[in-house]
């Protein structure tokens, strides 16, 4: 039997064209009365060999960092980043391994960020601006070379860090420090909305979800949900121990709205990535009236049961919702079964 990795490798070697492989996948899915968009497939682990390679790469990278860092921290982080790139040349470009590609991308950008923090440490609070800016450039260069789907999300996260740190640096004064926190939450929330729209740009370009563009959209959706919901949690006081019935109602309403968006876009990742916030909010509310541990378990049971029910009814529920949407929205999301 062949896998998607085998087909992608054949395209890279020129055996098949990308269009012929995409057409073959469509034909197979239609023959089996399936739709790949509903499965939300991502290239993550091709086999245990991927895990083995990741462990070996991690041992080499962190051991090298530890050894060289004792001589010079900057040289240590530079070695870490260079080794990450060099390993990607073989395991990503030649072997097309998905899980090592993700790990090596994160290691490379993390190495560039830490190296930049060391190099620009004399700039004090400006150092993080320079470091996040360098990380954005590093992500762009890595994308141009290796085309790993998670790179766009990592570069977006670095760009958001650059925007937020620049905002803090530009507007932090003794007079504004008390109100700056609220504005930072607004900036983060706005970045979350923009990230979601960016994810939809990638999603809408591959509605059948048969190319790597859908993987890029998946990671962007995974990033956007916490950026949207975290500022709201802070603004209503949930994360500061200021739980109330009204704040919990707001959070539940928000999560229901995000669940609706997940169903419309056919992206479970968008809903699941914000699930931890809802679990925390509901368990906090229930802890007011009883044992914390027991209430957290009861909350987990309730949420888990609801998600399983939604999973079982996902297609009919989505079909009912999508059919009533305007055409301008339908053209951006996968067709409903």
C-alpha atoms as a PDB file:
ATOM      1  CA  UNK A   1       0.000   0.000   0.000  1.00  0.00           C
ATOM      2  CA  UNK A   2       1.138   3.554  -0.681  1.00  0.00           C
ATOM      3  CA  UNK A   3       0.637   6.597   1.501  1.00  0.00           C
ATOM      4  CA  UNK A   4       0.213  10.326   0.910  1.00  0.00           C
ATOM      5  CA  UNK A   5       3.915  10.645   1.677  1.00  0.00           C
ATOM      6  CA  UNK A   6       4.682   8.252  -1.197  1.00  0.00           C
ATOM      7  CA  UNK A   7       2.520  10.265  -3.583  1.00  0.00           C
ATOM      8  CA  UNK A   8       4.121  13.539  -2.507  1.00  0.00           C
ATOM      9  CA  UNK A   9       7.559  12.003  -2.940  1.00  0.00           C
ATOM     10  CA  UNK A  10       6.625  10.823  -6.448  1.00  0.00           C
ATOM     11  CA  UNK A  11       5.537  14.372  -7.326  1.00  0.00           C
ATOM     12  CA  UNK A  12       8.833  15.774  -6.015  1.00  0.00           C
ATOM     13  CA  UNK A  13      10.766  13.262  -8.148  1.00  0.00           C
ATOM     14  CA  UNK A  14       8.801  14.167 -11.259  1.00  0.00           C
ATOM     15  CA  UNK A  15       7.165  10.745 -11.616  1.00  0.00           C
ATOM     16  CA  UNK A  16       3.666  12.254 -11.382  1.00  0.00           C
ATOM     17  CA  UNK A  17       2.411  15.787 -11.735  1.00  0.00           C
ATOM     18  CA  UNK A  18       0.800  17.491  -8.761  1.00  0.00           C
ATOM     19  CA  UNK A  19      -2.464  17.950 -10.678  1.00  0.00           C
ATOM     20  CA  UNK A  20      -2.669  14.255 -11.606  1.00  0.00           C
ATOM     21  CA  UNK A  21      -2.107  13.212  -7.984  1.00  0.00           C
ATOM     22  CA  UNK A  22      -4.782  15.646  -6.779  1.00  0.00           C
ATOM     23  CA  UNK A  23      -7.199  14.278  -9.383  1.00  0.00           C
ATOM     24  CA  UNK A  24      -6.397  10.713  -8.327  1.00  0.00           C
ATOM     25  CA  UNK A  25      -7.162  11.562  -4.700  1.00  0.00           C
ATOM     26  CA  UNK A  26     -10.483  13.124  -5.664  1.00  0.00           C
ATOM     27  CA  UNK A  27     -11.408  10.055  -7.695  1.00  0.00           C
ATOM     28  CA  UNK A  28     -10.576   7.695  -4.836  1.00  0.00           C
ATOM     29  CA  UNK A  29     -12.581   9.730  -2.345  1.00  0.00           C
ATOM     30  CA  UNK A  30     -15.590   9.901  -4.639  1.00  0.00           C
ATOM     31  CA  UNK A  31     -15.415   6.158  -5.251  1.00  0.00           C
ATOM     32  CA  UNK A  32     -15.485   5.552  -1.498  1.00  0.00           C
ATOM     33  CA  UNK A  33     -18.201   8.199  -0.920  1.00  0.00           C
ATOM     34  CA  UNK A  34     -15.856  10.130   1.349  1.00  0.00           C
ATOM     35  CA  UNK A  35     -14.743  13.746   1.588  1.00  0.00           C
ATOM     36  CA  UNK A  36     -11.238  14.470   2.783  1.00  0.00           C
ATOM     37  CA  UNK A  37     -12.228  17.938   3.984  1.00  0.00           C
ATOM     38  CA  UNK A  38     -14.394  16.432   6.732  1.00  0.00           C
ATOM     39  CA  UNK A  39     -11.510  14.332   8.046  1.00  0.00           C
ATOM     40  CA  UNK A  40      -9.270  17.366   8.713  1.00  0.00           C
ATOM     41  CA  UNK A  41      -6.135  15.390   7.903  1.00  0.00           C
ATOM     42  CA  UNK A  42      -2.731  16.881   8.673  1.00  0.00           C
ATOM     43  CA  UNK A  43       0.729  15.572   7.991  1.00  0.00           C
ATOM     44  CA  UNK A  44       2.097  14.971  11.462  1.00  0.00           C
ATOM     45  CA  UNK A  45       3.636  11.527  12.055  1.00  0.00           C
ATOM     46  CA  UNK A  46       4.397   9.135   9.218  1.00  0.00           C
ATOM     47  CA  UNK A  47       5.482   6.334  11.555  1.00  0.00           C
ATOM     48  CA  UNK A  48       7.530   5.561  14.637  1.00  0.00           C
ATOM     49  CA  UNK A  49      10.666   6.331  12.667  1.00  0.00           C
ATOM     50  CA  UNK A  50       9.573   9.980  12.755  1.00  0.00           C
ATOM     51  CA  UNK A  51       9.509   9.862  16.566  1.00  0.00           C
ATOM     52  CA  UNK A  52      12.879   8.121  16.606  1.00  0.00           C
ATOM     53  CA  UNK A  53      14.409  10.807  14.389  1.00  0.00           C
ATOM     54  CA  UNK A  54      12.925  13.605  16.528  1.00  0.00           C
ATOM     55  CA  UNK A  55      14.409  12.090  19.702  1.00  0.00           C
ATOM     56  CA  UNK A  56      17.815  11.727  18.039  1.00  0.00           C
ATOM     57  CA  UNK A  57      17.707  15.304  16.689  1.00  0.00           C
ATOM     58  CA  UNK A  58      16.683  16.671  20.084  1.00  0.00           C
ATOM     59  CA  UNK A  59      19.563  14.854  21.797  1.00  0.00           C
ATOM     60  CA  UNK A  60      22.063  16.199  19.263  1.00  0.00           C
ATOM     61  CA  UNK A  61      20.734  19.766  19.325  1.00  0.00           C
ATOM     62  CA  UNK A  62      20.427  20.206  23.089  1.00  0.00           C
ATOM     63  CA  UNK A  63      23.670  18.377  23.839  1.00  0.00           C
ATOM     64  CA  UNK A  64      25.490  20.612  21.382  1.00  0.00           C
ATOM     65  CA  UNK A  65      23.850  23.675  22.897  1.00  0.00           C
ATOM     66  CA  UNK A  66      24.853  22.624  26.407  1.00  0.00           C
ATOM     67  CA  UNK A  67      28.462  21.903  25.364  1.00  0.00           C
ATOM     68  CA  UNK A  68      29.065  25.081  23.345  1.00  0.00           C
ATOM     69  CA  UNK A  69      27.068  27.372  25.645  1.00  0.00           C
ATOM     70  CA  UNK A  70      29.661  26.920  28.385  1.00  0.00           C
ATOM     71  CA  UNK A  71      32.168  28.616  26.076  1.00  0.00           C
ATOM     72  CA  UNK A  72      29.912  31.398  24.792  1.00  0.00           C
ATOM     73  CA  UNK A  73      26.087  31.563  25.038  1.00  0.00           C
ATOM     74  CA  UNK A  74      25.804  33.306  21.685  1.00  0.00           C
ATOM     75  CA  UNK A  75      27.936  30.663  19.999  1.00  0.00           C
ATOM     76  CA  UNK A  76      25.799  27.975  21.639  1.00  0.00           C
ATOM     77  CA  UNK A  77      22.513  29.334  20.294  1.00  0.00           C
ATOM     78  CA  UNK A  78      24.090  29.963  16.878  1.00  0.00           C
ATOM     79  CA  UNK A  79      25.228  26.324  16.787  1.00  0.00           C
ATOM     80  CA  UNK A  80      21.733  25.219  17.803  1.00  0.00           C
ATOM     81  CA  UNK A  81      20.116  27.195  14.965  1.00  0.00           C
ATOM     82  CA  UNK A  82      22.671  26.163  12.328  1.00  0.00           C
ATOM     83  CA  UNK A  83      22.385  22.484  13.259  1.00  0.00           C
ATOM     84  CA  UNK A  84      18.588  22.722  13.076  1.00  0.00           C
ATOM     85  CA  UNK A  85      18.824  24.085   9.543  1.00  0.00           C
ATOM     86  CA  UNK A  86      21.443  21.518   8.510  1.00  0.00           C
ATOM     87  CA  UNK A  87      19.371  18.591   9.811  1.00  0.00           C
ATOM     88  CA  UNK A  88      16.337  19.963   7.964  1.00  0.00           C
ATOM     89  CA  UNK A  89      18.310  19.861   4.713  1.00  0.00           C
ATOM     90  CA  UNK A  90      18.356  16.058   4.966  1.00  0.00           C
ATOM     91  CA  UNK A  91      15.261  15.044   6.912  1.00  0.00           C
ATOM     92  CA  UNK A  92      12.907  17.635   5.373  1.00  0.00           C
ATOM     93  CA  UNK A  93      14.188  18.241   1.844  1.00  0.00           C
ATOM     94  CA  UNK A  94      15.374  14.706   1.092  1.00  0.00           C
ATOM     95  CA  UNK A  95      13.395  12.411   3.399  1.00  0.00           C
ATOM     96  CA  UNK A  96      10.152  14.488   3.494  1.00  0.00           C
ATOM     97  CA  UNK A  97       9.539  13.603   7.153  1.00  0.00           C
ATOM     98  CA  UNK A  98       6.659  15.594   8.661  1.00  0.00           C
ATOM     99  CA  UNK A  99       7.241  15.340  12.420  1.00  0.00           C
ATOM    100  CA  UNK A 100      10.985  16.094  12.268  1.00  0.00           C
ATOM    101  CA  UNK A 101      10.142  19.014   9.960  1.00  0.00           C
ATOM    102  CA  UNK A 102       7.918  20.534  12.647  1.00  0.00           C
ATOM    103  CA  UNK A 103      10.449  19.962  15.409  1.00  0.00           C
ATOM    104  CA  UNK A 104      13.402  21.309  13.415  1.00  0.00           C
ATOM    105  CA  UNK A 105      11.440  24.388  12.325  1.00  0.00           C
ATOM    106  CA  UNK A 106      10.547  25.243  15.928  1.00  0.00           C
ATOM    107  CA  UNK A 107      14.123  24.558  17.009  1.00  0.00           C
ATOM    108  CA  UNK A 108      15.521  26.839  14.298  1.00  0.00           C
ATOM    109  CA  UNK A 109      13.223  29.765  15.080  1.00  0.00           C
ATOM    110  CA  UNK A 110      13.706  29.252  18.822  1.00  0.00           C
ATOM    111  CA  UNK A 111      17.468  29.227  18.329  1.00  0.00           C
ATOM    112  CA  UNK A 112      17.350  32.433  16.282  1.00  0.00           C
ATOM    113  CA  UNK A 113      15.162  34.091  18.920  1.00  0.00           C
ATOM    114  CA  UNK A 114      17.482  33.184  21.820  1.00  0.00           C
ATOM    115  CA  UNK A 115      20.565  34.152  19.804  1.00  0.00           C
ATOM    116  CA  UNK A 116      19.014  37.530  18.996  1.00  0.00           C
ATOM    117  CA  UNK A 117      18.139  38.093  22.662  1.00  0.00           C
ATOM    118  CA  UNK A 118      21.791  37.501  23.546  1.00  0.00           C
ATOM    119  CA  UNK A 119      23.151  39.672  20.735  1.00  0.00           C
ATOM    120  CA  UNK A 120      20.789  42.583  21.466  1.00  0.00           C
ATOM    121  CA  UNK A 121      20.792  42.237  25.246  1.00  0.00           C
ATOM    122  CA  UNK A 122      22.371  45.683  25.560  1.00  0.00           C
ATOM    123  CA  UNK A 123      19.155  47.201  24.176  1.00  0.00           C
ATOM    124  CA  UNK A 124      17.280  46.178  27.347  1.00  0.00           C
ATOM    125  CA  UNK A 125      13.518  46.241  26.698  1.00  0.00           C
ATOM    126  CA  UNK A 126      14.146  46.769  22.964  1.00  0.00           C
ATOM    127  CA  UNK A 127      15.884  43.388  22.749  1.00  0.00           C
ATOM    128  CA  UNK A 128      12.653  41.427  22.430  1.00  0.00           C
ATOM    129  CA  UNK A 129      11.568  43.661  19.535  1.00  0.00           C
ATOM    130  CA  UNK A 130      14.769  42.864  17.682  1.00  0.00           C
ATOM    131  CA  UNK A 131      14.523  39.172  18.585  1.00  0.00           C
ATOM    132  CA  UNK A 132      10.939  38.770  17.369  1.00  0.00           C
ATOM    133  CA  UNK A 133      11.768  40.692  14.213  1.00  0.00           C
ATOM    134  CA  UNK A 134      14.709  38.370  13.558  1.00  0.00           C
ATOM    135  CA  UNK A 135      12.420  35.383  14.182  1.00  0.00           C
ATOM    136  CA  UNK A 136       9.996  36.636  11.523  1.00  0.00           C
ATOM    137  CA  UNK A 137      12.857  36.873   9.017  1.00  0.00           C
ATOM    138  CA  UNK A 138      14.086  33.421  10.040  1.00  0.00           C
ATOM    139  CA  UNK A 139      10.605  31.942   9.522  1.00  0.00           C
ATOM    140  CA  UNK A 140      10.374  33.551   6.069  1.00  0.00           C
ATOM    141  CA  UNK A 141      13.763  32.150   5.024  1.00  0.00           C
ATOM    142  CA  UNK A 142      12.844  28.689   6.358  1.00  0.00           C
ATOM    143  CA  UNK A 143       9.528  28.765   4.471  1.00  0.00           C
ATOM    144  CA  UNK A 144      11.222  29.690   1.205  1.00  0.00           C
ATOM    145  CA  UNK A 145      13.655  26.812   1.591  1.00  0.00           C
ATOM    146  CA  UNK A 146      11.625  23.987   3.155  1.00  0.00           C
ATOM    147  CA  UNK A 147       7.949  24.931   2.745  1.00  0.00           C
ATOM    148  CA  UNK A 148       6.906  23.343   6.072  1.00  0.00           C
ATOM    149  CA  UNK A 149       3.205  24.177   6.713  1.00  0.00           C
ATOM    150  CA  UNK A 150       3.634  25.139  10.384  1.00  0.00           C
ATOM    151  CA  UNK A 151       6.211  27.770   9.384  1.00  0.00           C
ATOM    152  CA  UNK A 152       3.511  30.289   8.451  1.00  0.00           C
ATOM    153  CA  UNK A 153       1.904  29.947  11.897  1.00  0.00           C
ATOM    154  CA  UNK A 154       5.286  30.210  13.620  1.00  0.00           C
ATOM    155  CA  UNK A 155       6.164  33.304  11.615  1.00  0.00           C
ATOM    156  CA  UNK A 156       2.738  34.787  12.375  1.00  0.00           C
ATOM    157  CA  UNK A 157       3.279  34.172  16.096  1.00  0.00           C
ATOM    158  CA  UNK A 158       6.666  35.889  15.866  1.00  0.00           C
ATOM    159  CA  UNK A 159       5.092  38.815  14.024  1.00  0.00           C
ATOM    160  CA  UNK A 160       2.440  39.139  16.739  1.00  0.00           C
ATOM    161  CA  UNK A 161       5.205  39.143  19.341  1.00  0.00           C
ATOM    162  CA  UNK A 162       6.932  41.892  17.378  1.00  0.00           C
ATOM    163  CA  UNK A 163       3.731  43.964  17.189  1.00  0.00           C
ATOM    164  CA  UNK A 164       2.860  43.573  20.881  1.00  0.00           C
ATOM    165  CA  UNK A 165       6.404  44.266  22.104  1.00  0.00           C
ATOM    166  CA  UNK A 166       6.667  47.305  19.824  1.00  0.00           C
ATOM    167  CA  UNK A 167       3.322  48.582  21.117  1.00  0.00           C
ATOM    168  CA  UNK A 168       4.424  48.176  24.728  1.00  0.00           C
ATOM    169  CA  UNK A 169       7.735  49.888  24.080  1.00  0.00           C
ATOM    170  CA  UNK A 170       6.151  52.794  22.227  1.00  0.00           C
ATOM    171  CA  UNK A 171       3.371  53.591  24.682  1.00  0.00           C
ATOM    172  CA  UNK A 172       4.696  52.600  28.100  1.00  0.00           C
ATOM    173  CA  UNK A 173       5.023  55.712  30.249  1.00  0.00           C
ATOM    174  CA  UNK A 174       4.409  56.359  33.970  1.00  0.00           C
ATOM    175  CA  UNK A 175       1.120  58.025  33.029  1.00  0.00           C
ATOM    176  CA  UNK A 176      -0.208  55.224  30.786  1.00  0.00           C
ATOM    177  CA  UNK A 177       1.039  52.133  32.594  1.00  0.00           C
ATOM    178  CA  UNK A 178      -2.288  51.609  34.395  1.00  0.00           C
ATOM    179  CA  UNK A 179      -4.404  51.600  31.239  1.00  0.00           C
ATOM    180  CA  UNK A 180      -1.840  50.004  28.926  1.00  0.00           C
ATOM    181  CA  UNK A 181      -2.841  46.458  29.910  1.00  0.00           C
ATOM    182  CA  UNK A 182      -6.334  46.908  28.502  1.00  0.00           C
ATOM    183  CA  UNK A 183      -4.941  48.175  25.225  1.00  0.00           C
ATOM    184  CA  UNK A 184      -2.509  45.268  25.023  1.00  0.00           C
ATOM    185  CA  UNK A 185      -5.469  42.898  25.283  1.00  0.00           C
ATOM    186  CA  UNK A 186      -7.147  44.785  22.440  1.00  0.00           C
ATOM    187  CA  UNK A 187      -4.014  44.418  20.308  1.00  0.00           C
ATOM    188  CA  UNK A 188      -3.761  40.680  21.026  1.00  0.00           C
ATOM    189  CA  UNK A 189      -7.454  40.172  20.299  1.00  0.00           C
ATOM    190  CA  UNK A 190      -7.110  42.079  17.020  1.00  0.00           C
ATOM    191  CA  UNK A 191      -4.108  39.939  16.079  1.00  0.00           C
ATOM    192  CA  UNK A 192      -6.199  36.852  16.816  1.00  0.00           C
ATOM    193  CA  UNK A 193      -8.962  38.015  14.474  1.00  0.00           C
ATOM    194  CA  UNK A 194      -6.417  38.815  11.752  1.00  0.00           C
ATOM    195  CA  UNK A 195      -4.783  35.405  12.236  1.00  0.00           C
ATOM    196  CA  UNK A 196      -8.171  33.727  11.816  1.00  0.00           C
ATOM    197  CA  UNK A 197      -8.807  35.691   8.612  1.00  0.00           C
ATOM    198  CA  UNK A 198      -5.324  34.728   7.405  1.00  0.00           C
ATOM    199  CA  UNK A 199      -6.174  31.069   8.111  1.00  0.00           C
ATOM    200  CA  UNK A 200      -9.382  31.441   6.119  1.00  0.00           C
ATOM    201  CA  UNK A 201      -7.359  32.831   3.215  1.00  0.00           C
ATOM    202  CA  UNK A 202      -5.380  29.586   3.105  1.00  0.00           C
ATOM    203  CA  UNK A 203      -8.486  27.474   3.696  1.00  0.00           C
ATOM    204  CA  UNK A 204     -10.490  29.119   0.933  1.00  0.00           C
ATOM    205  CA  UNK A 205      -7.714  28.443  -1.565  1.00  0.00           C
ATOM    206  CA  UNK A 206      -8.038  24.689  -0.962  1.00  0.00           C
ATOM    207  CA  UNK A 207     -11.658  23.944  -0.058  1.00  0.00           C
ATOM    208  CA  UNK A 208     -11.276  20.246  -0.858  1.00  0.00           C
ATOM    209  CA  UNK A 209      -8.237  20.083   1.466  1.00  0.00           C
ATOM    210  CA  UNK A 210      -5.944  17.930  -0.631  1.00  0.00           C
ATOM    211  CA  UNK A 211      -2.794  20.090  -0.700  1.00  0.00           C
ATOM    212  CA  UNK A 212      -0.315  21.368   1.876  1.00  0.00           C
ATOM    213  CA  UNK A 213      -2.216  24.653   2.031  1.00  0.00           C
ATOM    214  CA  UNK A 214      -4.799  23.011   4.290  1.00  0.00           C
ATOM    215  CA  UNK A 215      -2.035  22.070   6.761  1.00  0.00           C
ATOM    216  CA  UNK A 216      -0.941  25.703   6.830  1.00  0.00           C
ATOM    217  CA  UNK A 217      -4.512  26.787   7.579  1.00  0.00           C
ATOM    218  CA  UNK A 218      -4.803  24.157  10.333  1.00  0.00           C
ATOM    219  CA  UNK A 219      -1.847  25.555  12.298  1.00  0.00           C
ATOM    220  CA  UNK A 220      -3.092  29.119  11.838  1.00  0.00           C
ATOM    221  CA  UNK A 221      -6.520  28.156  13.206  1.00  0.00           C
ATOM    222  CA  UNK A 222      -4.805  26.473  16.136  1.00  0.00           C
ATOM    223  CA  UNK A 223      -2.935  29.714  16.832  1.00  0.00           C
ATOM    224  CA  UNK A 224      -5.859  32.101  16.350  1.00  0.00           C
ATOM    225  CA  UNK A 225      -8.285  30.611  18.899  1.00  0.00           C
ATOM    226  CA  UNK A 226      -6.181  31.286  22.051  1.00  0.00           C
ATOM    227  CA  UNK A 227      -5.328  34.765  20.765  1.00  0.00           C
ATOM    228  CA  UNK A 228      -9.037  35.530  20.500  1.00  0.00           C
ATOM    229  CA  UNK A 229     -10.280  33.960  23.713  1.00  0.00           C
ATOM    230  CA  UNK A 230      -7.382  34.721  26.106  1.00  0.00           C
ATOM    231  CA  UNK A 231      -7.850  38.532  26.110  1.00  0.00           C
ATOM    232  CA  UNK A 232     -11.566  38.088  26.728  1.00  0.00           C
ATOM    233  CA  UNK A 233     -10.897  35.790  29.675  1.00  0.00           C
ATOM    234  CA  UNK A 234      -8.548  38.346  31.180  1.00  0.00           C
ATOM    235  CA  UNK A 235     -10.929  41.238  30.601  1.00  0.00           C
ATOM    236  CA  UNK A 236     -13.820  39.510  32.419  1.00  0.00           C
ATOM    237  CA  UNK A 237     -11.550  38.485  35.298  1.00  0.00           C
ATOM    238  CA  UNK A 238     -11.693  34.695  34.909  1.00  0.00           C
ATOM    239  CA  UNK A 239      -7.923  34.242  34.995  1.00  0.00           C
ATOM    240  CA  UNK A 240      -7.565  36.628  37.930  1.00  0.00           C
ATOM    241  CA  UNK A 241      -9.791  34.672  40.297  1.00  0.00           C
ATOM    242  CA  UNK A 242     -12.762  37.012  39.828  1.00  0.00           C
ATOM    243  CA  UNK A 243     -15.299  34.396  38.731  1.00  0.00           C
ATOM    244  CA  UNK A 244     -18.976  35.304  38.652  1.00  0.00           C
ATOM    245  CA  UNK A 245     -22.103  33.962  37.073  1.00  0.00           C
ATOM    246  CA  UNK A 246     -22.169  36.757  34.505  1.00  0.00           C
ATOM    247  CA  UNK A 247     -18.547  36.222  33.464  1.00  0.00           C
ATOM    248  CA  UNK A 248     -19.100  32.475  33.105  1.00  0.00           C
ATOM    249  CA  UNK A 249     -22.155  33.117  30.947  1.00  0.00           C
ATOM    250  CA  UNK A 250     -20.045  35.366  28.706  1.00  0.00           C
ATOM    251  CA  UNK A 251     -17.382  32.679  28.355  1.00  0.00           C
ATOM    252  CA  UNK A 252     -19.865  29.918  27.578  1.00  0.00           C
ATOM    253  CA  UNK A 253     -21.563  32.147  24.992  1.00  0.00           C
ATOM    254  CA  UNK A 254     -18.166  32.890  23.455  1.00  0.00           C
ATOM    255  CA  UNK A 255     -17.277  29.210  23.270  1.00  0.00           C
ATOM    256  CA  UNK A 256     -20.624  28.386  21.670  1.00  0.00           C
ATOM    257  CA  UNK A 257     -19.913  31.091  19.093  1.00  0.00           C
ATOM    258  CA  UNK A 258     -16.456  29.636  18.433  1.00  0.00           C
ATOM    259  CA  UNK A 259     -18.001  26.177  18.144  1.00  0.00           C
ATOM    260  CA  UNK A 260     -20.400  27.548  15.537  1.00  0.00           C
ATOM    261  CA  UNK A 261     -17.478  29.030  13.614  1.00  0.00           C
ATOM    262  CA  UNK A 262     -15.678  25.666  13.865  1.00  0.00           C
ATOM    263  CA  UNK A 263     -18.667  23.864  12.398  1.00  0.00           C
ATOM    264  CA  UNK A 264     -19.068  26.357   9.568  1.00  0.00           C
ATOM    265  CA  UNK A 265     -15.371  26.286   8.659  1.00  0.00           C
ATOM    266  CA  UNK A 266     -15.170  22.521   9.331  1.00  0.00           C
ATOM    267  CA  UNK A 267     -12.206  23.120  11.630  1.00  0.00           C
ATOM    268  CA  UNK A 268     -12.337  21.210  14.906  1.00  0.00           C
ATOM    269  CA  UNK A 269      -8.886  22.565  15.759  1.00  0.00           C
ATOM    270  CA  UNK A 270     -10.288  26.066  16.193  1.00  0.00           C
ATOM    271  CA  UNK A 271     -12.739  24.815  18.828  1.00  0.00           C
ATOM    272  CA  UNK A 272     -10.427  22.374  20.616  1.00  0.00           C
ATOM    273  CA  UNK A 273      -7.545  24.832  21.009  1.00  0.00           C
ATOM    274  CA  UNK A 274      -9.762  27.053  23.172  1.00  0.00           C
ATOM    275  CA  UNK A 275     -11.277  24.153  25.127  1.00  0.00           C
ATOM    276  CA  UNK A 276      -8.846  24.446  28.061  1.00  0.00           C
ATOM    277  CA  UNK A 277     -10.164  27.944  28.809  1.00  0.00           C
ATOM    278  CA  UNK A 278     -13.752  26.748  29.023  1.00  0.00           C
ATOM    279  CA  UNK A 279     -12.760  23.819  31.246  1.00  0.00           C
ATOM    280  CA  UNK A 280     -11.000  26.239  33.567  1.00  0.00           C
ATOM    281  CA  UNK A 281     -13.934  28.656  33.618  1.00  0.00           C
ATOM    282  CA  UNK A 282     -16.576  26.028  34.339  1.00  0.00           C
ATOM    283  CA  UNK A 283     -14.478  24.268  36.984  1.00  0.00           C
ATOM    284  CA  UNK A 284     -13.833  27.658  38.642  1.00  0.00           C
ATOM    285  CA  UNK A 285     -17.548  28.348  38.784  1.00  0.00           C
ATOM    286  CA  UNK A 286     -18.334  24.917  40.186  1.00  0.00           C
ATOM    287  CA  UNK A 287     -15.537  25.175  42.766  1.00  0.00           C
ATOM    288  CA  UNK A 288     -17.411  28.079  44.338  1.00  0.00           C
ATOM    289  CA  UNK A 289     -20.086  25.616  45.342  1.00  0.00           C
ATOM    290  CA  UNK A 290     -18.075  22.527  46.241  1.00  0.00           C
ATOM    291  CA  UNK A 291     -14.907  20.433  45.992  1.00  0.00           C
ATOM    292  CA  UNK A 292     -12.475  21.694  43.332  1.00  0.00           C
ATOM    293  CA  UNK A 293     -11.210  18.297  42.189  1.00  0.00           C
ATOM    294  CA  UNK A 294     -14.641  16.722  41.953  1.00  0.00           C
ATOM    295  CA  UNK A 295     -16.079  19.676  40.080  1.00  0.00           C
ATOM    296  CA  UNK A 296     -13.221  19.712  37.606  1.00  0.00           C
ATOM    297  CA  UNK A 297     -13.848  16.014  36.914  1.00  0.00           C
ATOM    298  CA  UNK A 298     -17.583  16.653  36.495  1.00  0.00           C
ATOM    299  CA  UNK A 299     -16.810  19.528  34.129  1.00  0.00           C
ATOM    300  CA  UNK A 300     -14.529  17.284  32.071  1.00  0.00           C
ATOM    301  CA  UNK A 301     -17.232  14.605  31.860  1.00  0.00           C
ATOM    302  CA  UNK A 302     -19.856  17.128  30.712  1.00  0.00           C
ATOM    303  CA  UNK A 303     -17.608  18.777  28.112  1.00  0.00           C
ATOM    304  CA  UNK A 304     -16.278  15.430  26.884  1.00  0.00           C
ATOM    305  CA  UNK A 305     -19.771  14.027  26.455  1.00  0.00           C
ATOM    306  CA  UNK A 306     -20.877  17.145  24.595  1.00  0.00           C
ATOM    307  CA  UNK A 307     -17.886  16.968  22.231  1.00  0.00           C
ATOM    308  CA  UNK A 308     -18.488  13.271  21.518  1.00  0.00           C
ATOM    309  CA  UNK A 309     -22.136  13.997  20.751  1.00  0.00           C
ATOM    310  CA  UNK A 310     -21.129  16.845  18.472  1.00  0.00           C
ATOM    311  CA  UNK A 311     -18.612  14.590  16.736  1.00  0.00           C
ATOM    312  CA  UNK A 312     -21.269  11.959  16.095  1.00  0.00           C
ATOM    313  CA  UNK A 313     -23.686  14.561  14.701  1.00  0.00           C
ATOM    314  CA  UNK A 314     -21.050  16.759  13.042  1.00  0.00           C
ATOM    315  CA  UNK A 315     -22.081  16.154   9.431  1.00  0.00           C
ATOM    316  CA  UNK A 316     -25.874  16.557   9.797  1.00  0.00           C
ATOM    317  CA  UNK A 317     -25.453  19.594  12.067  1.00  0.00           C
ATOM    318  CA  UNK A 318     -22.997  21.188   9.681  1.00  0.00           C
ATOM    319  CA  UNK A 319     -25.257  20.403   6.729  1.00  0.00           C
ATOM    320  CA  UNK A 320     -28.183  22.213   8.345  1.00  0.00           C
ATOM    321  CA  UNK A 321     -26.065  25.263   9.195  1.00  0.00           C
ATOM    322  CA  UNK A 322     -24.135  25.621   5.937  1.00  0.00           C
ATOM    323  CA  UNK A 323     -27.227  25.335   3.748  1.00  0.00           C
ATOM    324  CA  UNK A 324     -28.676  28.543   5.222  1.00  0.00           C
ATOM    325  CA  UNK A 325     -25.467  30.558   4.873  1.00  0.00           C
ATOM    326  CA  UNK A 326     -25.120  33.206   2.150  1.00  0.00           C
ATOM    327  CA  UNK A 327     -23.206  32.181  -0.966  1.00  0.00           C
ATOM    328  CA  UNK A 328     -20.339  34.517  -0.175  1.00  0.00           C
ATOM    329  CA  UNK A 329     -19.614  32.419   2.941  1.00  0.00           C
ATOM    330  CA  UNK A 330     -20.237  29.059   1.252  1.00  0.00           C
ATOM    331  CA  UNK A 331     -17.561  29.872  -1.303  1.00  0.00           C
ATOM    332  CA  UNK A 332     -14.967  30.103   1.477  1.00  0.00           C
ATOM    333  CA  UNK A 333     -15.681  26.832   3.327  1.00  0.00           C
ATOM    334  CA  UNK A 334     -15.826  23.147   2.312  1.00  0.00           C
ATOM    335  CA  UNK A 335     -19.104  21.874   0.913  1.00  0.00           C
ATOM    336  CA  UNK A 336     -21.431  20.211   3.426  1.00  0.00           C
ATOM    337  CA  UNK A 337     -22.291  16.533   3.008  1.00  0.00           C
END
